[in-house]
Amino acid sequence: MTNWRAVAVGFVLVVVVGTAGVSVPVVGQLGAGLVGGFAAGYLAGGGPGSGAWHGLVAGSLAGLTVAVVIGFFGGLVGGVSGGPLGALVGGFGAFVVVAALTLLFAADSAVAGAVGGWLERRSA
């Protein structure tokens, strides 16, 4: 069963740390996924499997949210500068790049969630 409170905390941490980490492109995004996934896994508890699941869900939701927001703004900027075709290309290009970021968020969040779940189980 999914602990949505743990997922929500992980999601918020991924978004906040990821937003702050924009100035350091790769390291900031990796750190965001690790921090949020670890928090989700630790709060959910139940061992590495449960922690990985909760970290994966938190990272995936955060990555999809970022993809939609950046895809929207990419389409908006592309539409202003390139007309209807520019909006399509700008929005789709941004969406594809950030969808790859979603996979990055999900993968490292799942690993960090497994570690968090394992640590929580060991401390109990």
Protein backbone atom coordinates (compact mmCIF):
# COMPACT_ATOMS: atom_id res chain seq x y z
CA MET A 1 0.00 0.00 0.00
CA THR A 2 1.33 3.43 -0.92
CA ASN A 3 1.93 5.91 1.87
CA TRP A 4 0.83 9.10 0.11
CA ARG A 5 2.12 11.32 2.91
CA ALA A 6 5.64 9.99 2.35
CA VAL A 7 5.23 10.42 -1.42
CA ALA A 8 3.98 14.00 -0.95
CA VAL A 9 6.94 14.92 1.26
CA GLY A 10 9.35 13.38 -1.26
CA PHE A 11 7.61 15.17 -4.14
CA VAL A 12 7.84 18.56 -2.42
CA LEU A 13 11.50 18.00 -1.59
CA VAL A 14 12.33 17.01 -5.18
CA VAL A 15 10.59 20.11 -6.55
CA VAL A 16 12.08 22.52 -3.99
CA VAL A 17 15.63 21.16 -4.14
CA GLY A 18 15.37 20.80 -7.93
CA THR A 19 14.26 24.41 -8.27
CA ALA A 20 17.11 25.55 -6.07
CA GLY A 21 19.49 23.26 -7.96
CA VAL A 22 18.76 24.79 -11.37
CA SER A 23 21.94 26.85 -11.05
CA VAL A 24 23.96 23.60 -11.00
CA PRO A 25 22.18 21.70 -13.82
CA VAL A 26 23.10 18.03 -13.43
CA VAL A 27 24.27 17.92 -9.83
CA GLY A 28 21.27 19.93 -8.63
CA GLN A 29 18.78 17.63 -10.32
CA LEU A 30 20.54 14.46 -9.15
CA GLY A 31 20.67 15.84 -5.62
CA ALA A 32 16.98 16.68 -5.74
CA GLY A 33 16.05 13.15 -6.71
CA LEU A 34 18.30 11.67 -4.05
CA VAL A 35 17.01 13.92 -1.26
CA GLY A 36 13.33 13.48 -2.14
CA GLY A 37 13.58 9.74 -2.76
CA PHE A 38 15.46 9.16 0.48
CA ALA A 39 12.87 11.14 2.45
CA ALA A 40 9.98 9.27 0.85
CA GLY A 41 11.60 5.88 1.47
CA TYR A 42 12.55 6.69 5.04
CA LEU A 43 9.09 8.04 5.93
CA ALA A 44 7.34 5.08 4.29
CA GLY A 45 9.58 2.52 5.99
CA GLY A 46 8.97 -1.16 5.42
CA GLY A 47 12.38 -2.02 4.00
CA PRO A 48 14.20 -1.43 0.73
CA GLY A 49 11.37 -2.58 -1.54
CA SER A 50 8.81 -0.27 -0.02
CA GLY A 51 11.32 2.58 0.13
CA ALA A 52 12.22 2.13 -3.54
CA TRP A 53 8.56 2.16 -4.53
CA HIS A 54 7.80 5.35 -2.60
CA GLY A 55 10.95 7.05 -3.89
CA LEU A 56 10.06 6.03 -7.45
CA VAL A 57 6.54 7.42 -7.19
CA ALA A 58 7.73 10.69 -5.64
CA GLY A 59 10.46 11.17 -8.25
CA SER A 60 8.18 10.26 -11.15
CA LEU A 61 5.43 12.65 -10.08
CA ALA A 62 7.92 15.48 -9.60
CA GLY A 63 9.56 14.79 -12.96
CA LEU A 64 6.22 14.73 -14.77
CA THR A 65 5.19 17.98 -13.11
CA VAL A 66 8.42 19.64 -14.20
CA ALA A 67 7.99 18.22 -17.73
CA VAL A 68 4.51 19.67 -18.09
CA VAL A 69 5.52 23.10 -16.76
CA ILE A 70 8.63 23.36 -18.94
CA GLY A 71 6.75 21.96 -21.96
CA PHE A 72 4.11 24.64 -21.49
CA PHE A 73 6.66 27.43 -21.24
CA GLY A 74 8.64 25.99 -24.18
CA GLY A 75 5.49 26.07 -26.27
CA LEU A 76 4.71 29.59 -25.12
CA VAL A 77 8.18 30.90 -25.97
CA GLY A 78 8.24 28.97 -29.24
CA GLY A 79 4.82 30.36 -30.17
CA VAL A 80 5.88 33.92 -29.54
CA SER A 81 9.11 33.64 -31.52
CA GLY A 82 8.21 31.11 -34.22
CA GLY A 83 4.46 31.07 -34.76
CA PRO A 84 2.33 27.92 -34.51
CA LEU A 85 5.04 25.60 -35.80
CA GLY A 86 7.56 27.15 -33.41
CA ALA A 87 5.20 26.47 -30.51
CA LEU A 88 4.88 22.82 -31.52
CA VAL A 89 8.62 22.31 -31.95
CA GLY A 90 9.57 24.36 -28.87
CA GLY A 91 7.04 22.70 -26.62
CA PHE A 92 7.71 19.19 -27.86
CA GLY A 93 11.49 19.62 -27.68
CA ALA A 94 11.32 20.91 -24.13
CA PHE A 95 8.91 18.14 -23.17
CA VAL A 96 11.22 15.43 -24.54
CA VAL A 97 14.24 16.82 -22.71
CA VAL A 98 12.36 17.08 -19.44
CA ALA A 99 10.76 13.65 -19.90
CA ALA A 100 14.33 12.32 -19.89
CA LEU A 101 14.79 14.27 -16.67
CA THR A 102 11.74 12.44 -15.30
CA LEU A 103 13.51 9.13 -15.84
CA LEU A 104 16.55 10.55 -14.07
CA PHE A 105 14.42 11.72 -11.13
CA ALA A 106 12.64 8.37 -10.93
CA ALA A 107 15.77 6.23 -11.10
CA ASP A 108 17.83 8.01 -8.48
CA SER A 109 14.78 8.57 -6.28
CA ALA A 110 14.08 4.83 -6.30
CA VAL A 111 17.65 3.97 -5.32
CA ALA A 112 17.69 6.62 -2.58
CA GLY A 113 14.25 5.45 -1.41
CA ALA A 114 15.55 1.88 -1.09
CA VAL A 115 18.43 3.15 1.06
CA GLY A 116 16.01 5.24 3.15
CA GLY A 117 13.67 2.30 3.66
CA TRP A 118 16.59 0.07 4.60
CA LEU A 119 17.95 2.59 7.10
CA GLU A 120 14.53 3.16 8.65
CA ARG A 121 14.04 -0.57 9.03
CA ARG A 122 17.46 -0.96 10.67
CA SER A 123 16.79 1.87 13.13
CA ALA A 124 13.41 0.47 14.21
